[in-house]
PDB file of N, CA and C in Angstrom:
ATOM      1  N   MET A   1     -16.483 -21.425   6.038  1.00  0.00           N
ATOM      2  CA  MET A   1     -16.673 -20.047   5.772  1.00  0.00           C
ATOM      3  C   MET A   1     -17.419 -19.836   4.435  1.00  0.00           C
ATOM      4  N   GLN A   2     -18.218 -18.753   4.414  1.00  0.00           N
ATOM      5  CA  GLN A   2     -19.030 -18.522   3.151  1.00  0.00           C
ATOM      6  C   GLN A   2     -18.089 -17.906   2.165  1.00  0.00           C
ATOM      7  N   PRO A   3     -18.268 -18.165   0.891  1.00  0.00           N
ATOM      8  CA  PRO A   3     -17.405 -17.626  -0.170  1.00  0.00           C
ATOM      9  C   PRO A   3     -17.355 -16.117  -0.125  1.00  0.00           C
ATOM     10  N   ASP A   4     -18.394 -15.563   0.170  1.00  0.00           N
ATOM     11  CA  ASP A   4     -18.476 -13.941   0.194  1.00  0.00           C
ATOM     12  C   ASP A   4     -17.436 -13.486   1.307  1.00  0.00           C
ATOM     13  N   LEU A   5     -17.487 -14.114   2.431  1.00  0.00           N
ATOM     14  CA  LEU A   5     -16.547 -13.615   3.488  1.00  0.00           C
ATOM     15  C   LEU A   5     -15.150 -13.970   3.058  1.00  0.00           C
ATOM     16  N   GLU A   6     -14.985 -15.061   2.495  1.00  0.00           N
ATOM     17  CA  GLU A   6     -13.522 -15.328   2.104  1.00  0.00           C
ATOM     18  C   GLU A   6     -13.058 -14.296   1.058  1.00  0.00           C
ATOM     19  N   ASN A   7     -13.909 -14.056   0.171  1.00  0.00           N
ATOM     20  CA  ASN A   7     -13.495 -13.007  -0.863  1.00  0.00           C
ATOM     21  C   ASN A   7     -13.318 -11.705  -0.268  1.00  0.00           C
ATOM     22  N   SER A   8     -14.046 -11.286   0.621  1.00  0.00           N
ATOM     23  CA  SER A   8     -13.890  -9.922   1.247  1.00  0.00           C
ATOM     24  C   SER A   8     -12.577  -9.935   2.093  1.00  0.00           C
ATOM     25  N   ALA A   9     -12.180 -11.188   2.798  1.00  0.00           N
ATOM     26  CA  ALA A   9     -11.097 -11.193   3.461  1.00  0.00           C
ATOM     27  C   ALA A   9      -9.927 -11.041   2.652  1.00  0.00           C
ATOM     28  N   VAL A  10      -9.873 -11.768   1.447  1.00  0.00           N
ATOM     29  CA  VAL A  10      -8.876 -11.737   0.467  1.00  0.00           C
ATOM     30  C   VAL A  10      -8.760 -10.241  -0.077  1.00  0.00           C
ATOM     31  N   SER A  11      -9.863  -9.664  -0.431  1.00  0.00           N
ATOM     32  CA  SER A  11      -9.665  -8.237  -0.968  1.00  0.00           C
ATOM     33  C   SER A  11      -9.143  -7.367   0.116  1.00  0.00           C
ATOM     34  N   GLN A  12      -9.476  -7.611   1.456  1.00  0.00           N
ATOM     35  CA  GLN A  12      -9.018  -6.710   2.611  1.00  0.00           C
ATOM     36  C   GLN A  12      -7.518  -6.947   2.561  1.00  0.00           C
ATOM     37  N   GLU A  13      -6.951  -8.076   2.417  1.00  0.00           N
ATOM     38  CA  GLU A  13      -5.539  -8.343   2.507  1.00  0.00           C
ATOM     39  C   GLU A  13      -4.896  -7.548   1.355  1.00  0.00           C
ATOM     40  N   GLN A  14      -5.462  -7.710   0.031  1.00  0.00           N
ATOM     41  CA  GLN A  14      -4.907  -7.100  -1.033  1.00  0.00           C
ATOM     42  C   GLN A  14      -4.837  -5.521  -0.884  1.00  0.00           C
ATOM     43  N   LEU A  15      -5.874  -4.917  -0.228  1.00  0.00           N
ATOM     44  CA  LEU A  15      -5.940  -3.569  -0.048  1.00  0.00           C
ATOM     45  C   LEU A  15      -4.918  -3.132   0.892  1.00  0.00           C
ATOM     46  N   LYS A  16      -4.697  -3.915   1.981  1.00  0.00           N
ATOM     47  CA  LYS A  16      -3.557  -3.563   2.971  1.00  0.00           C
ATOM     48  C   LYS A  16      -2.251  -3.558   2.237  1.00  0.00           C
ATOM     49  N   ILE A  17      -1.997  -4.589   1.397  1.00  0.00           N
ATOM     50  CA  ILE A  17      -0.738  -4.689   0.783  1.00  0.00           C
ATOM     51  C   ILE A  17      -0.607  -3.336  -0.195  1.00  0.00           C
ATOM     52  N   GLU A  18      -1.672  -3.053  -0.908  1.00  0.00           N
ATOM     53  CA  GLU A  18      -1.593  -1.934  -1.854  1.00  0.00           C
ATOM     54  C   GLU A  18      -1.383  -0.641  -1.113  1.00  0.00           C
ATOM     55  N   ILE A  19      -1.988  -0.500   0.015  1.00  0.00           N
ATOM     56  CA  ILE A  19      -1.757   0.752   0.845  1.00  0.00           C
ATOM     57  C   ILE A  19      -0.329   0.784   1.314  1.00  0.00           C
ATOM     58  N   GLN A  20       0.289  -0.322   1.734  1.00  0.00           N
ATOM     59  CA  GLN A  20       1.662  -0.410   2.218  1.00  0.00           C
ATOM     60  C   GLN A  20       2.513   0.079   1.029  1.00  0.00           C
ATOM     61  N   GLN A  21       2.332  -0.533  -0.131  1.00  0.00           N
ATOM     62  CA  GLN A  21       3.121  -0.189  -1.275  1.00  0.00           C
ATOM     63  C   GLN A  21       2.999   1.399  -1.570  1.00  0.00           C
ATOM     64  N   ILE A  22       1.850   1.841  -1.465  1.00  0.00           N
ATOM     65  CA  ILE A  22       1.697   3.362  -1.723  1.00  0.00           C
ATOM     66  C   ILE A  22       2.473   4.160  -0.800  1.00  0.00           C
ATOM     67  N   LYS A  23       2.374   3.690   0.493  1.00  0.00           N
ATOM     68  CA  LYS A  23       3.183   4.448   1.568  1.00  0.00           C
ATOM     69  C   LYS A  23       4.623   4.367   1.274  1.00  0.00           C
ATOM     70  N   ILE A  24       5.155   3.295   0.911  1.00  0.00           N
ATOM     71  CA  ILE A  24       6.560   3.120   0.507  1.00  0.00           C
ATOM     72  C   ILE A  24       6.902   4.026  -0.550  1.00  0.00           C
ATOM     73  N   GLU A  25       6.099   3.980  -1.618  1.00  0.00           N
ATOM     74  CA  GLU A  25       6.267   4.897  -2.877  1.00  0.00           C
ATOM     75  C   GLU A  25       6.335   6.328  -2.300  1.00  0.00           C
ATOM     76  N   ASN A  26       5.499   6.719  -1.366  1.00  0.00           N
ATOM     77  CA  ASN A  26       5.385   8.098  -0.919  1.00  0.00           C
ATOM     78  C   ASN A  26       6.693   8.451  -0.205  1.00  0.00           C
ATOM     79  N   GLU A  27       7.200   7.470   0.684  1.00  0.00           N
ATOM     80  CA  GLU A  27       8.433   7.828   1.357  1.00  0.00           C
ATOM     81  C   GLU A  27       9.555   8.036   0.436  1.00  0.00           C
ATOM     82  N   LEU A  28       9.606   7.105  -0.587  1.00  0.00           N
ATOM     83  CA  LEU A  28      10.649   7.167  -1.590  1.00  0.00           C
ATOM     84  C   LEU A  28      10.617   8.514  -2.318  1.00  0.00           C
ATOM     85  N   THR A  29       9.464   8.953  -2.727  1.00  0.00           N
ATOM     86  CA  THR A  29       9.191  10.282  -3.337  1.00  0.00           C
ATOM     87  C   THR A  29       9.743  11.427  -2.353  1.00  0.00           C
ATOM     88  N   LYS A  30       9.437  11.323  -1.197  1.00  0.00           N
ATOM     89  CA  LYS A  30       9.923  12.334  -0.233  1.00  0.00           C
ATOM     90  C   LYS A  30      11.392  12.350  -0.109  1.00  0.00           C
ATOM     91  N   LEU A  31      11.999  11.145  -0.142  1.00  0.00           N
ATOM     92  CA  LEU A  31      13.542  11.105  -0.041  1.00  0.00           C
ATOM     93  C   LEU A  31      14.090  11.724  -1.279  1.00  0.00           C
ATOM     94  N   ASN A  32      13.476  11.380  -2.407  1.00  0.00           N
ATOM     95  CA  ASN A  32      14.011  11.963  -3.629  1.00  0.00           C
ATOM     96  C   ASN A  32      13.852  13.344  -3.747  1.00  0.00           C
ATOM     97  N   ASN A  33      12.745  13.947  -3.308  1.00  0.00           N
ATOM     98  CA  ASN A  33      12.520  15.366  -3.215  1.00  0.00           C
ATOM     99  C   ASN A  33      13.522  16.038  -2.301  1.00  0.00           C
ATOM    100  N   ASN A  34      13.834  15.450  -1.213  1.00  0.00           N
ATOM    101  CA  ASN A  34      14.777  16.092  -0.295  1.00  0.00           C
ATOM    102  C   ASN A  34      16.199  16.175  -0.901  1.00  0.00           C
ATOM    103  N   LYS A  35      16.516  15.065  -1.622  1.00  0.00           N
ATOM    104  CA  LYS A  35      17.756  15.085  -2.324  1.00  0.00           C
ATOM    105  C   LYS A  35      17.989  16.173  -3.355  1.00  0.00           C
ATOM    106  N   LEU A  36      16.762  16.413  -4.121  1.00  0.00           N
ATOM    107  CA  LEU A  36      16.728  17.501  -5.047  1.00  0.00           C
ATOM    108  C   LEU A  36      16.934  18.798  -4.423  1.00  0.00           C
ATOM    109  N   LYS A  37      16.393  18.975  -3.242  1.00  0.00           N
ATOM    110  CA  LYS A  37      16.401  20.343  -2.610  1.00  0.00           C
ATOM    111  C   LYS A  37      17.739  20.648  -2.201  1.00  0.00           C
ATOM    112  N   VAL A  38      18.601  19.652  -1.681  1.00  0.00           N
ATOM    113  CA  VAL A  38      19.920  19.939  -1.198  1.00  0.00           C
ATOM    114  C   VAL A  38      20.907  20.320  -2.294  1.00  0.00           C
TER     115      VAL A  38
END
């Protein structure tokens, strides 16, 4: 595999992980907001 392709594959994985973390944080924020409303 060419280094460039490897690097892009790695950054793709990192992006996926970051996106998942953001989604989780958003869900937690929603849950916290719901608790405050009640």
